[in-house]
Amino acid sequence: METKRIEFSLPSEHYNKLLFNIQKEGMAFQFGTVRLAKGTRLPETGFTRHPEHEISIVQNGKIEMLNEDGCVMGYLNTGDVVYIEALEAQAGNILENTEIIYFLIKDQPHEK
């Protein structure tokens, strides 16, 4: 067993703080925290896609989530839990200082 305290990055550090990065046969996952500053966009331009499924918990703050056509998809608020499918495009405008706890889960092919 390994135990860590949930902590967020300092304003002077990278916004993402990785707490666990576990890779085993058949699966891989990451667990960490994100601190995002009001008035920023993530990513700065375009959209991100990652090969992992994501579950995120908004600890505090507010994010305006965007569709690929630039329209507003919806809002993530304090207390919301969101699931994002692997390779789903994502981008958002940070409307309030925001802290998120996230899990990234990736299927790993079994070796024969």
PDB file of N, CA and C in Angstrom:
ATOM      1  N   MET A   1       0.840  -1.173   0.000  1.00  0.00           N
ATOM      2  CA  MET A   1       0.000   0.000   0.000  1.00  0.00           C
ATOM      3  C   MET A   1       0.891   1.245   0.000  1.00  0.00           C
ATOM      4  N   GLU A   2       0.472   2.224  -0.760  1.00  0.00           N
ATOM      5  CA  GLU A   2       1.177   3.502  -0.801  1.00  0.00           C
ATOM      6  C   GLU A   2       0.163   4.604  -0.536  1.00  0.00           C
ATOM      7  N   THR A   3       0.482   5.512   0.331  1.00  0.00           N
ATOM      8  CA  THR A   3      -0.437   6.579   0.709  1.00  0.00           C
ATOM      9  C   THR A   3       0.182   7.935   0.406  1.00  0.00           C
ATOM     10  N   LYS A   4      -0.626   8.828  -0.130  1.00  0.00           N
ATOM     11  CA  LYS A   4      -0.194  10.201  -0.385  1.00  0.00           C
ATOM     12  C   LYS A   4      -1.320  11.131   0.029  1.00  0.00           C
ATOM     13  N   ARG A   5      -0.966  12.333   0.389  1.00  0.00           N
ATOM     14  CA  ARG A   5      -1.962  13.354   0.707  1.00  0.00           C
ATOM     15  C   ARG A   5      -2.349  14.070  -0.584  1.00  0.00           C
ATOM     16  N   ILE A   6      -3.608  14.413  -0.695  1.00  0.00           N
ATOM     17  CA  ILE A   6      -4.039  15.198  -1.842  1.00  0.00           C
ATOM     18  C   ILE A   6      -3.515  16.609  -1.653  1.00  0.00           C
ATOM     19  N   GLU A   7      -2.742  17.051  -2.626  1.00  0.00           N
ATOM     20  CA  GLU A   7      -2.220  18.417  -2.601  1.00  0.00           C
ATOM     21  C   GLU A   7      -2.235  18.962  -4.012  1.00  0.00           C
ATOM     22  N   PHE A   8      -2.323  20.266  -4.110  1.00  0.00           N
ATOM     23  CA  PHE A   8      -2.357  20.950  -5.394  1.00  0.00           C
ATOM     24  C   PHE A   8      -1.054  21.699  -5.595  1.00  0.00           C
ATOM     25  N   SER A   9      -0.723  21.949  -6.856  1.00  0.00           N
ATOM     26  CA  SER A   9       0.507  22.674  -7.169  1.00  0.00           C
ATOM     27  C   SER A   9       0.435  24.094  -6.614  1.00  0.00           C
ATOM     28  N   LEU A  10       1.605  24.657  -6.394  1.00  0.00           N
ATOM     29  CA  LEU A  10       1.694  26.062  -6.009  1.00  0.00           C
ATOM     30  C   LEU A  10       1.489  26.919  -7.256  1.00  0.00           C
ATOM     31  N   PRO A  11       1.058  28.154  -7.113  1.00  0.00           N
ATOM     32  CA  PRO A  11       0.865  29.009  -8.297  1.00  0.00           C
ATOM     33  C   PRO A  11       2.106  29.121  -9.177  1.00  0.00           C
ATOM     34  N   SER A  12       3.292  28.995  -8.602  1.00  0.00           N
ATOM     35  CA  SER A  12       4.534  29.117  -9.381  1.00  0.00           C
ATOM     36  C   SER A  12       4.916  27.814 -10.084  1.00  0.00           C
ATOM     37  N   GLU A  13       4.209  26.709  -9.799  1.00  0.00           N
ATOM     38  CA  GLU A  13       4.523  25.397 -10.380  1.00  0.00           C
ATOM     39  C   GLU A  13       3.595  25.101 -11.559  1.00  0.00           C
ATOM     40  N   HIS A  14       3.908  24.033 -12.286  1.00  0.00           N
ATOM     41  CA  HIS A  14       3.039  23.546 -13.357  1.00  0.00           C
ATOM     42  C   HIS A  14       1.658  23.267 -12.774  1.00  0.00           C
ATOM     43  N   TYR A  15       0.613  23.498 -13.552  1.00  0.00           N
ATOM     44  CA  TYR A  15      -0.757  23.371 -13.036  1.00  0.00           C
ATOM     45  C   TYR A  15      -1.141  21.940 -12.656  1.00  0.00           C
ATOM     46  N   ASN A  16      -0.446  20.943 -13.190  1.00  0.00           N
ATOM     47  CA  ASN A  16      -0.776  19.537 -12.955  1.00  0.00           C
ATOM     48  C   ASN A  16       0.183  18.939 -11.929  1.00  0.00           C
ATOM     49  N   LYS A  17      -0.343  18.307 -10.891  1.00  0.00           N
ATOM     50  CA  LYS A  17       0.494  17.634  -9.893  1.00  0.00           C
ATOM     51  C   LYS A  17       0.136  16.147  -9.919  1.00  0.00           C
ATOM     52  N   LEU A  18       1.016  15.337 -10.486  1.00  0.00           N
ATOM     53  CA  LEU A  18       0.805  13.903 -10.586  1.00  0.00           C
ATOM     54  C   LEU A  18       1.121  13.250  -9.245  1.00  0.00           C
ATOM     55  N   LEU A  19       0.151  12.519  -8.701  1.00  0.00           N
ATOM     56  CA  LEU A  19       0.350  11.863  -7.413  1.00  0.00           C
ATOM     57  C   LEU A  19       0.646  10.374  -7.570  1.00  0.00           C
ATOM     58  N   PHE A  20       0.005   9.713  -8.523  1.00  0.00           N
ATOM     59  CA  PHE A  20       0.285   8.308  -8.811  1.00  0.00           C
ATOM     60  C   PHE A  20       0.341   8.106 -10.314  1.00  0.00           C
ATOM     61  N   ASN A  21       1.251   7.248 -10.768  1.00  0.00           N
ATOM     62  CA  ASN A  21       1.328   6.816 -12.158  1.00  0.00           C
ATOM     63  C   ASN A  21       1.591   5.321 -12.114  1.00  0.00           C
ATOM     64  N   ILE A  22       0.535   4.523 -12.219  1.00  0.00           N
ATOM     65  CA  ILE A  22       0.615   3.066 -12.040  1.00  0.00           C
ATOM     66  C   ILE A  22       0.436   2.383 -13.391  1.00  0.00           C
ATOM     67  N   GLN A  23       1.367   1.501 -13.733  1.00  0.00           N
ATOM     68  CA  GLN A  23       1.257   0.728 -14.960  1.00  0.00           C
ATOM     69  C   GLN A  23       1.502  -0.728 -14.622  1.00  0.00           C
ATOM     70  N   LYS A  24       0.513  -1.526 -14.909  1.00  0.00           N
ATOM     71  CA  LYS A  24       0.586  -2.967 -14.672  1.00  0.00           C
ATOM     72  C   LYS A  24       0.017  -3.661 -15.885  1.00  0.00           C
ATOM     73  N   GLU A  25       0.236  -4.953 -15.961  1.00  0.00           N
ATOM     74  CA  GLU A  25      -0.287  -5.708 -17.093  1.00  0.00           C
ATOM     75  C   GLU A  25      -1.799  -5.528 -17.173  1.00  0.00           C
ATOM     76  N   GLY A  26      -2.265  -5.098 -18.337  1.00  0.00           N
ATOM     77  CA  GLY A  26      -3.697  -4.963 -18.564  1.00  0.00           C
ATOM     78  C   GLY A  26      -4.286  -3.611 -18.209  1.00  0.00           C
ATOM     79  N   MET A  27      -3.551  -2.757 -17.528  1.00  0.00           N
ATOM     80  CA  MET A  27      -4.091  -1.455 -17.165  1.00  0.00           C
ATOM     81  C   MET A  27      -2.997  -0.469 -16.816  1.00  0.00           C
ATOM     82  N   ALA A  28      -3.389   0.792 -16.912  1.00  0.00           N
ATOM     83  CA  ALA A  28      -2.503   1.873 -16.483  1.00  0.00           C
ATOM     84  C   ALA A  28      -3.402   3.008 -16.031  1.00  0.00           C
ATOM     85  N   PHE A  29      -3.004   3.681 -14.963  1.00  0.00           N
ATOM     86  CA  PHE A  29      -3.778   4.845 -14.561  1.00  0.00           C
ATOM     87  C   PHE A  29      -2.894   5.878 -13.902  1.00  0.00           C
ATOM     88  N   GLN A  30      -3.388   7.106 -13.970  1.00  0.00           N
ATOM     89  CA  GLN A  30      -2.731   8.233 -13.312  1.00  0.00           C
ATOM     90  C   GLN A  30      -3.759   8.899 -12.414  1.00  0.00           C
ATOM     91  N   PHE A  31      -3.279   9.452 -11.325  1.00  0.00           N
ATOM     92  CA  PHE A  31      -4.125  10.157 -10.382  1.00  0.00           C
ATOM     93  C   PHE A  31      -3.385  11.414  -9.978  1.00  0.00           C
ATOM     94  N   GLY A  32      -4.079  12.531 -10.016  1.00  0.00           N
ATOM     95  CA  GLY A  32      -3.402  13.769  -9.651  1.00  0.00           C
ATOM     96  C   GLY A  32      -4.373  14.906  -9.450  1.00  0.00           C
ATOM     97  N   THR A  33      -3.797  16.076  -9.321  1.00  0.00           N
ATOM     98  CA  THR A  33      -4.588  17.279  -9.121  1.00  0.00           C
ATOM     99  C   THR A  33      -4.197  18.331 -10.142  1.00  0.00           C
ATOM    100  N   VAL A  34      -5.105  19.248 -10.369  1.00  0.00           N
ATOM    101  CA  VAL A  34      -4.874  20.338 -11.303  1.00  0.00           C
ATOM    102  C   VAL A  34      -5.355  21.624 -10.647  1.00  0.00           C
ATOM    103  N   ARG A  35      -4.560  22.666 -10.786  1.00  0.00           N
ATOM    104  CA  ARG A  35      -4.954  23.998 -10.330  1.00  0.00           C
ATOM    105  C   ARG A  35      -4.931  24.903 -11.555  1.00  0.00           C
ATOM    106  N   LEU A  36      -6.063  25.543 -11.838  1.00  0.00           N
ATOM    107  CA  LEU A  36      -6.209  26.385 -13.025  1.00  0.00           C
ATOM    108  C   LEU A  36      -6.590  27.799 -12.611  1.00  0.00           C
ATOM    109  N   ALA A  37      -5.960  28.781 -13.227  1.00  0.00           N
ATOM    110  CA  ALA A  37      -6.175  30.181 -12.875  1.00  0.00           C
ATOM    111  C   ALA A  37      -7.325  30.790 -13.676  1.00  0.00           C
ATOM    112  N   LYS A  38      -8.145  31.554 -12.991  1.00  0.00           N
ATOM    113  CA  LYS A  38      -9.238  32.288 -13.619  1.00  0.00           C
ATOM    114  C   LYS A  38      -8.699  33.103 -14.790  1.00  0.00           C
ATOM    115  N   GLY A  39      -9.457  33.094 -15.898  1.00  0.00           N
ATOM    116  CA  GLY A  39      -9.080  33.891 -17.057  1.00  0.00           C
ATOM    117  C   GLY A  39      -8.222  33.161 -18.069  1.00  0.00           C
ATOM    118  N   THR A  40      -7.840  31.914 -17.780  1.00  0.00           N
ATOM    119  CA  THR A  40      -7.036  31.155 -18.740  1.00  0.00           C
ATOM    120  C   THR A  40      -7.934  30.221 -19.547  1.00  0.00           C
ATOM    121  N   ARG A  41      -7.386  29.682 -20.610  1.00  0.00           N
ATOM    122  CA  ARG A  41      -8.048  28.664 -21.430  1.00  0.00           C
ATOM    123  C   ARG A  41      -7.127  27.469 -21.464  1.00  0.00           C
ATOM    124  N   LEU A  42      -7.722  26.291 -21.376  1.00  0.00           N
ATOM    125  CA  LEU A  42      -6.929  25.069 -21.416  1.00  0.00           C
ATOM    126  C   LEU A  42      -7.468  24.146 -22.496  1.00  0.00           C
ATOM    127  N   PRO A  43      -6.676  23.804 -23.528  1.00  0.00           N
ATOM    128  CA  PRO A  43      -5.364  24.380 -23.816  1.00  0.00           C
ATOM    129  C   PRO A  43      -5.511  25.816 -24.308  1.00  0.00           C
ATOM    130  N   GLU A  44      -4.386  26.507 -24.448  1.00  0.00           N
ATOM    131  CA  GLU A  44      -4.433  27.908 -24.871  1.00  0.00           C
ATOM    132  C   GLU A  44      -5.143  28.073 -26.205  1.00  0.00           C
ATOM    133  N   THR A  45      -4.914  27.127 -27.124  1.00  0.00           N
ATOM    134  CA  THR A  45      -5.593  27.123 -28.422  1.00  0.00           C
ATOM    135  C   THR A  45      -5.967  25.691 -28.757  1.00  0.00           C
ATOM    136  N   GLY A  46      -6.969  25.540 -29.598  1.00  0.00           N
ATOM    137  CA  GLY A  46      -7.355  24.212 -30.065  1.00  0.00           C
ATOM    138  C   GLY A  46      -7.964  23.352 -28.968  1.00  0.00           C
ATOM    139  N   PHE A  47      -7.788  22.045 -29.122  1.00  0.00           N
ATOM    140  CA  PHE A  47      -8.360  21.067 -28.206  1.00  0.00           C
ATOM    141  C   PHE A  47      -7.334  20.001 -27.884  1.00  0.00           C
ATOM    142  N   THR A  48      -7.466  19.398 -26.728  1.00  0.00           N
ATOM    143  CA  THR A  48      -6.613  18.267 -26.388  1.00  0.00           C
ATOM    144  C   THR A  48      -7.427  16.987 -26.522  1.00  0.00           C
ATOM    145  N   ARG A  49      -6.723  15.911 -26.787  1.00  0.00           N
ATOM    146  CA  ARG A  49      -7.284  14.554 -26.808  1.00  0.00           C
ATOM    147  C   ARG A  49      -6.226  13.665 -26.189  1.00  0.00           C
ATOM    148  N   HIS A  50      -6.623  12.819 -25.277  1.00  0.00           N
ATOM    149  CA  HIS A  50      -5.642  11.882 -24.736  1.00  0.00           C
ATOM    150  C   HIS A  50      -6.205  10.470 -24.775  1.00  0.00           C
ATOM    151  N   PRO A  51      -5.328   9.470 -24.826  1.00  0.00           N
ATOM    152  CA  PRO A  51      -5.765   8.081 -25.018  1.00  0.00           C
ATOM    153  C   PRO A  51      -6.410   7.453 -23.779  1.00  0.00           C
ATOM    154  N   GLU A  52      -6.449   8.181 -22.683  1.00  0.00           N
ATOM    155  CA  GLU A  52      -7.018   7.646 -21.451  1.00  0.00           C
ATOM    156  C   GLU A  52      -8.457   8.137 -21.259  1.00  0.00           C
ATOM    157  N   HIS A  53      -9.263   7.318 -20.591  1.00  0.00           N
ATOM    158  CA  HIS A  53     -10.569   7.753 -20.106  1.00  0.00           C
ATOM    159  C   HIS A  53     -10.295   8.623 -18.885  1.00  0.00           C
ATOM    160  N   GLU A  54     -11.100   9.656 -18.699  1.00  0.00           N
ATOM    161  CA  GLU A  54     -10.864  10.578 -17.586  1.00  0.00           C
ATOM    162  C   GLU A  54     -12.099  10.705 -16.706  1.00  0.00           C
ATOM    163  N   ILE A  55     -11.878  10.676 -15.425  1.00  0.00           N
ATOM    164  CA  ILE A  55     -12.905  11.032 -14.450  1.00  0.00           C
ATOM    165  C   ILE A  55     -12.299  12.141 -13.609  1.00  0.00           C
ATOM    166  N   SER A  56     -12.992  13.276 -13.551  1.00  0.00           N
ATOM    167  CA  SER A  56     -12.490  14.419 -12.801  1.00  0.00           C
ATOM    168  C   SER A  56     -13.546  14.915 -11.824  1.00  0.00           C
ATOM    169  N   ILE A  57     -13.081  15.384 -10.681  1.00  0.00           N
ATOM    170  CA  ILE A  57     -13.940  15.934  -9.648  1.00  0.00           C
ATOM    171  C   ILE A  57     -13.526  17.392  -9.452  1.00  0.00           C
ATOM    172  N   VAL A  58     -14.465  18.301  -9.658  1.00  0.00           N
ATOM    173  CA  VAL A  58     -14.184  19.720  -9.466  1.00  0.00           C
ATOM    174  C   VAL A  58     -14.297  20.009  -7.969  1.00  0.00           C
ATOM    175  N   GLN A  59     -13.163  20.263  -7.333  1.00  0.00           N
ATOM    176  CA  GLN A  59     -13.143  20.546  -5.900  1.00  0.00           C
ATOM    177  C   GLN A  59     -13.661  21.943  -5.600  1.00  0.00           C
ATOM    178  N   ASN A  60     -13.292  22.882  -6.452  1.00  0.00           N
ATOM    179  CA  ASN A  60     -13.842  24.229  -6.378  1.00  0.00           C
ATOM    180  C   ASN A  60     -13.547  24.935  -7.685  1.00  0.00           C
ATOM    181  N   GLY A  61     -14.404  25.880  -8.037  1.00  0.00           N
ATOM    182  CA  GLY A  61     -14.203  26.653  -9.250  1.00  0.00           C
ATOM    183  C   GLY A  61     -15.301  26.457 -10.267  1.00  0.00           C
ATOM    184  N   LYS A  62     -15.038  26.964 -11.475  1.00  0.00           N
ATOM    185  CA  LYS A  62     -16.009  26.884 -12.564  1.00  0.00           C
ATOM    186  C   LYS A  62     -15.279  26.930 -13.895  1.00  0.00           C
ATOM    187  N   ILE A  63     -15.662  26.030 -14.798  1.00  0.00           N
ATOM    188  CA  ILE A  63     -15.074  25.948 -16.137  1.00  0.00           C
ATOM    189  C   ILE A  63     -16.189  25.926 -17.169  1.00  0.00           C
ATOM    190  N   GLU A  64     -16.027  26.732 -18.212  1.00  0.00           N
ATOM    191  CA  GLU A  64     -16.934  26.720 -19.349  1.00  0.00           C
ATOM    192  C   GLU A  64     -16.345  25.746 -20.371  1.00  0.00           C
ATOM    193  N   MET A  65     -16.995  24.602 -20.571  1.00  0.00           N
ATOM    194  CA  MET A  65     -16.493  23.588 -21.497  1.00  0.00           C
ATOM    195  C   MET A  65     -16.964  23.906 -22.915  1.00  0.00           C
ATOM    196  N   LEU A  66     -16.069  23.674 -23.894  1.00  0.00           N
ATOM    197  CA  LEU A  66     -16.339  24.055 -25.278  1.00  0.00           C
ATOM    198  C   LEU A  66     -16.464  22.849 -26.199  1.00  0.00           C
ATOM    199  N   ASN A  67     -17.376  22.950 -27.185  1.00  0.00           N
ATOM    200  CA  ASN A  67     -17.460  21.985 -28.279  1.00  0.00           C
ATOM    201  C   ASN A  67     -16.380  22.319 -29.287  1.00  0.00           C
ATOM    202  N   GLU A  68     -16.105  21.392 -30.181  1.00  0.00           N
ATOM    203  CA  GLU A  68     -15.075  21.635 -31.199  1.00  0.00           C
ATOM    204  C   GLU A  68     -15.436  22.783 -32.135  1.00  0.00           C
ATOM    205  N   ASP A  69     -16.723  23.104 -32.262  1.00  0.00           N
ATOM    206  CA  ASP A  69     -17.115  24.235 -33.109  1.00  0.00           C
ATOM    207  C   ASP A  69     -17.020  25.568 -32.368  1.00  0.00           C
ATOM    208  N   GLY A  70     -16.540  25.527 -31.118  1.00  0.00           N
ATOM    209  CA  GLY A  70     -16.360  26.736 -30.329  1.00  0.00           C
ATOM    210  C   GLY A  70     -17.552  27.115 -29.477  1.00  0.00           C
ATOM    211  N   CYS A  71     -18.696  26.439 -29.654  1.00  0.00           N
ATOM    212  CA  CYS A  71     -19.877  26.723 -28.842  1.00  0.00           C
ATOM    213  C   CYS A  71     -19.695  26.169 -27.432  1.00  0.00           C
ATOM    214  N   VAL A  72     -20.421  26.729 -26.497  1.00  0.00           N
ATOM    215  CA  VAL A  72     -20.364  26.265 -25.113  1.00  0.00           C
ATOM    216  C   VAL A  72     -21.109  24.935 -24.992  1.00  0.00           C
ATOM    217  N   MET A  73     -20.416  23.922 -24.467  1.00  0.00           N
ATOM    218  CA  MET A  73     -20.992  22.600 -24.255  1.00  0.00           C
ATOM    219  C   MET A  73     -21.742  22.550 -22.930  1.00  0.00           C
ATOM    220  N   GLY A  74     -21.203  23.266 -21.938  1.00  0.00           N
ATOM    221  CA  GLY A  74     -21.789  23.263 -20.614  1.00  0.00           C
ATOM    222  C   GLY A  74     -20.781  23.802 -19.613  1.00  0.00           C
ATOM    223  N   TYR A  75     -21.138  23.718 -18.336  1.00  0.00           N
ATOM    224  CA  TYR A  75     -20.300  24.263 -17.272  1.00  0.00           C
ATOM    225  C   TYR A  75     -19.993  23.201 -16.236  1.00  0.00           C
ATOM    226  N   LEU A  76     -18.771  23.202 -15.749  1.00  0.00           N
ATOM    227  CA  LEU A  76     -18.372  22.364 -14.630  1.00  0.00           C
ATOM    228  C   LEU A  76     -18.247  23.267 -13.416  1.00  0.00           C
ATOM    229  N   ASN A  77     -18.895  22.892 -12.328  1.00  0.00           N
ATOM    230  CA  ASN A  77     -18.936  23.692 -11.110  1.00  0.00           C
ATOM    231  C   ASN A  77     -18.425  22.889  -9.921  1.00  0.00           C
ATOM    232  N   THR A  78     -18.150  23.578  -8.835  1.00  0.00           N
ATOM    233  CA  THR A  78     -17.740  22.932  -7.590  1.00  0.00           C
ATOM    234  C   THR A  78     -18.664  21.753  -7.292  1.00  0.00           C
ATOM    235  N   GLY A  79     -18.066  20.604  -7.013  1.00  0.00           N
ATOM    236  CA  GLY A  79     -18.826  19.408  -6.670  1.00  0.00           C
ATOM    237  C   GLY A  79     -19.193  18.526  -7.842  1.00  0.00           C
ATOM    238  N   ASP A  80     -19.001  18.987  -9.073  1.00  0.00           N
ATOM    239  CA  ASP A  80     -19.331  18.171 -10.246  1.00  0.00           C
ATOM    240  C   ASP A  80     -18.286  17.086 -10.463  1.00  0.00           C
ATOM    241  N   VAL A  81     -18.752  15.948 -10.952  1.00  0.00           N
ATOM    242  CA  VAL A  81     -17.890  14.853 -11.385  1.00  0.00           C
ATOM    243  C   VAL A  81     -18.161  14.670 -12.871  1.00  0.00           C
ATOM    244  N   VAL A  82     -17.100  14.596 -13.676  1.00  0.00           N
ATOM    245  CA  VAL A  82     -17.263  14.497 -15.123  1.00  0.00           C
ATOM    246  C   VAL A  82     -16.487  13.284 -15.638  1.00  0.00           C
ATOM    247  N   TYR A  83     -17.074  12.595 -16.618  1.00  0.00           N
ATOM    248  CA  TYR A  83     -16.397  11.499 -17.320  1.00  0.00           C
ATOM    249  C   TYR A  83     -16.161  11.957 -18.749  1.00  0.00           C
ATOM    250  N   ILE A  84     -14.929  11.814 -19.222  1.00  0.00           N
ATOM    251  CA  ILE A  84     -14.569  12.157 -20.598  1.00  0.00           C
ATOM    252  C   ILE A  84     -13.987  10.909 -21.251  1.00  0.00           C
ATOM    253  N   GLU A  85     -14.588  10.517 -22.341  1.00  0.00           N
ATOM    254  CA  GLU A  85     -14.182   9.326 -23.085  1.00  0.00           C
ATOM    255  C   GLU A  85     -12.772   9.515 -23.653  1.00  0.00           C
ATOM    256  N   ALA A  86     -12.022   8.430 -23.761  1.00  0.00           N
ATOM    257  CA  ALA A  86     -10.700   8.481 -24.388  1.00  0.00           C
ATOM    258  C   ALA A  86     -10.819   9.092 -25.782  1.00  0.00           C
ATOM    259  N   LEU A  87      -9.895   9.949 -26.146  1.00  0.00           N
ATOM    260  CA  LEU A  87      -9.786  10.635 -27.429  1.00  0.00           C
ATOM    261  C   LEU A  87     -10.877  11.670 -27.684  1.00  0.00           C
ATOM    262  N   GLU A  88     -11.734  11.937 -26.703  1.00  0.00           N
ATOM    263  CA  GLU A  88     -12.746  12.986 -26.848  1.00  0.00           C
ATOM    264  C   GLU A  88     -12.061  14.351 -26.766  1.00  0.00           C
ATOM    265  N   ALA A  89     -12.404  15.239 -27.694  1.00  0.00           N
ATOM    266  CA  ALA A  89     -11.822  16.580 -27.698  1.00  0.00           C
ATOM    267  C   ALA A  89     -12.295  17.339 -26.463  1.00  0.00           C
ATOM    268  N   GLN A  90     -11.356  18.091 -25.859  1.00  0.00           N
ATOM    269  CA  GLN A  90     -11.735  18.879 -24.692  1.00  0.00           C
ATOM    270  C   GLN A  90     -10.974  20.193 -24.650  1.00  0.00           C
ATOM    271  N   ALA A  91     -11.698  21.224 -24.211  1.00  0.00           N
ATOM    272  CA  ALA A  91     -11.127  22.555 -24.010  1.00  0.00           C
ATOM    273  C   ALA A  91     -12.088  23.328 -23.124  1.00  0.00           C
ATOM    274  N   GLY A  92     -11.548  24.287 -22.390  1.00  0.00           N
ATOM    275  CA  GLY A  92     -12.425  25.056 -21.530  1.00  0.00           C
ATOM    276  C   GLY A  92     -11.840  26.402 -21.150  1.00  0.00           C
ATOM    277  N   ASN A  93     -12.741  27.325 -20.855  1.00  0.00           N
ATOM    278  CA  ASN A  93     -12.379  28.631 -20.326  1.00  0.00           C
ATOM    279  C   ASN A  93     -12.542  28.580 -18.813  1.00  0.00           C
ATOM    280  N   ILE A  94     -11.511  28.969 -18.095  1.00  0.00           N
ATOM    281  CA  ILE A  94     -11.531  28.912 -16.636  1.00  0.00           C
ATOM    282  C   ILE A  94     -12.176  30.205 -16.131  1.00  0.00           C
ATOM    283  N   LEU A  95     -13.386  30.083 -15.571  1.00  0.00           N
ATOM    284  CA  LEU A  95     -14.158  31.253 -15.155  1.00  0.00           C
ATOM    285  C   LEU A  95     -13.875  31.661 -13.716  1.00  0.00           C
ATOM    286  N   GLU A  96     -13.401  30.722 -12.904  1.00  0.00           N
ATOM    287  CA  GLU A  96     -13.006  30.983 -11.514  1.00  0.00           C
ATOM    288  C   GLU A  96     -11.750  30.174 -11.248  1.00  0.00           C
ATOM    289  N   ASN A  97     -10.920  30.599 -10.310  1.00  0.00           N
ATOM    290  CA  ASN A  97      -9.800  29.748  -9.904  1.00  0.00           C
ATOM    291  C   ASN A  97     -10.372  28.374  -9.583  1.00  0.00           C
ATOM    292  N   THR A  98      -9.762  27.339 -10.150  1.00  0.00           N
ATOM    293  CA  THR A  98     -10.350  26.000 -10.100  1.00  0.00           C
ATOM    294  C   THR A  98      -9.325  24.968  -9.655  1.00  0.00           C
ATOM    295  N   GLU A  99      -9.770  24.034  -8.823  1.00  0.00           N
ATOM    296  CA  GLU A  99      -8.954  22.883  -8.420  1.00  0.00           C
ATOM    297  C   GLU A  99      -9.735  21.613  -8.739  1.00  0.00           C
ATOM    298  N   ILE A 100      -9.027  20.677  -9.369  1.00  0.00           N
ATOM    299  CA  ILE A 100      -9.640  19.431  -9.838  1.00  0.00           C
ATOM    300  C   ILE A 100      -8.804  18.256  -9.367  1.00  0.00           C
ATOM    301  N   ILE A 101      -9.459  17.175  -8.997  1.00  0.00           N
ATOM    302  CA  ILE A 101      -8.813  15.885  -8.760  1.00  0.00           C
ATOM    303  C   ILE A 101      -9.182  15.008  -9.962  1.00  0.00           C
ATOM    304  N   TYR A 102      -8.179  14.366 -10.574  1.00  0.00           N
ATOM    305  CA  TYR A 102      -8.470  13.583 -11.781  1.00  0.00           C
ATOM    306  C   TYR A 102      -7.897  12.162 -11.700  1.00  0.00           C
ATOM    307  N   PHE A 103      -8.539  11.289 -12.483  1.00  0.00           N
ATOM    308  CA  PHE A 103      -8.095   9.912 -12.704  1.00  0.00           C
ATOM    309  C   PHE A 103      -8.048   9.706 -14.205  1.00  0.00           C
ATOM    310  N   LEU A 104      -6.928   9.220 -14.729  1.00  0.00           N
ATOM    311  CA  LEU A 104      -6.807   8.840 -16.133  1.00  0.00           C
ATOM    312  C   LEU A 104      -6.621   7.336 -16.171  1.00  0.00           C
ATOM    313  N   ILE A 105      -7.484   6.648 -16.932  1.00  0.00           N
ATOM    314  CA  ILE A 105      -7.461   5.183 -16.973  1.00  0.00           C
ATOM    315  C   ILE A 105      -7.250   4.768 -18.429  1.00  0.00           C
ATOM    316  N   LYS A 106      -6.227   3.934 -18.656  1.00  0.00           N
ATOM    317  CA  LYS A 106      -5.922   3.482 -20.011  1.00  0.00           C
ATOM    318  C   LYS A 106      -5.887   1.969 -20.028  1.00  0.00           C
ATOM    319  N   ASP A 107      -6.605   1.393 -21.000  1.00  0.00           N
ATOM    320  CA  ASP A 107      -6.547  -0.047 -21.200  1.00  0.00           C
ATOM    321  C   ASP A 107      -5.191  -0.395 -21.803  1.00  0.00           C
ATOM    322  N   GLN A 108      -4.564  -1.414 -21.279  1.00  0.00           N
ATOM    323  CA  GLN A 108      -3.293  -1.897 -21.795  1.00  0.00           C
ATOM    324  C   GLN A 108      -3.548  -3.267 -22.421  1.00  0.00           C
ATOM    325  N   PRO A 109      -3.071  -3.490 -23.635  1.00  0.00           N
ATOM    326  CA  PRO A 109      -3.258  -4.811 -24.242  1.00  0.00           C
ATOM    327  C   PRO A 109      -2.505  -5.881 -23.449  1.00  0.00           C
ATOM    328  N   HIS A 110      -3.151  -7.030 -23.287  1.00  0.00           N
ATOM    329  CA  HIS A 110      -2.488  -8.145 -22.615  1.00  0.00           C
ATOM    330  C   HIS A 110      -1.493  -8.778 -23.566  1.00  0.00           C
ATOM    331  N   GLU A 111      -0.320  -9.057 -23.059  1.00  0.00           N
ATOM    332  CA  GLU A 111       0.695  -9.730 -23.879  1.00  0.00           C
ATOM    333  C   GLU A 111       0.440 -11.224 -23.846  1.00  0.00           C
ATOM    334  N   LYS A 112       0.672 -11.852 -24.988  1.00  0.00           N
ATOM    335  CA  LYS A 112       0.452 -13.310 -25.079  1.00  0.00           C
ATOM    336  C   LYS A 112       1.762 -14.025 -25.172  1.00  0.00           C
TER     337      LYS A 112
END
